[in-house]
């Protein structure tokens, strides 16, 4: 995939795909879509095939570079709640995207049971769909697990049994974030096997949980084994407090080539109506 902002960039991307075949046979056909501008958000809804329950809106940060620059990643930072999502906008998203999608699948004889995760972009013309997933987002899942007070297994069982309307999902009244620590070079080529230290010191910070992703043990030591290595998550009374804790903890973790964005949640922190 390539996101281009000029005609020249678009032509070069097509040459790379179709002539240089950087993606092999997959580049023989391309889909050209409208360029959408606005903040991206993640919507998650649990469905039992008839009813659904919404999770709080969250925001993933996909670009590798600060200021949302550089190539896309699998996601290197997430936050919730979002100050720019009000009740009216959330209701619009439910009425125009979530509910109609689930109803359409049911009408086609394929009622959906599980997690519906549409990735949206908030344009000047309203919310637009970028993608649909049938899973949790990563790193969004980590922040949801920090805020969720209801047992996740109870929600899953209710969805399987078609009884979501009988369960009340409870959330902590807090803000959550997850800062992803990456290997140097990610999302391109990167080296593995770099020894990791400092996790225990990081966890001494209040409200910190460190989630493992691209790690493994080798010779009794914890080492890097992927592009996205660790997720440092935190809770706070406010988004600013949560981010402050997470960044202090992230600074205490070390491995050769460690990289992470230092502006996760910045646009939300400075949002004004």
Foldseek 3Di string as FASTA:
>chain_A
DDDDDDPVVVVVVLCCCCPVVPVPPVSVDDDDDDRFDAFKKKWKWFALLPDIDTDAIKHFQFAQDPVNDHDGALTFKMKDDFPVDDPVLVVVCCVPPVVVVQVVCVVVVRRDGAMWMFMWGQGPVGIDTDDIDRDDRVPVVVFSVLFWPDPPVVCNVCSNVVNNVVDDTGTHQWMKMKGWKFAAPPVHDGDWFWFKDQLVVLVVQPFWDKAADQWDADPNTIIGHDGGGIIIMGIGNYRVVRLVSSVVSVVRMDTPRIDTDPCVCVCRVPDDD
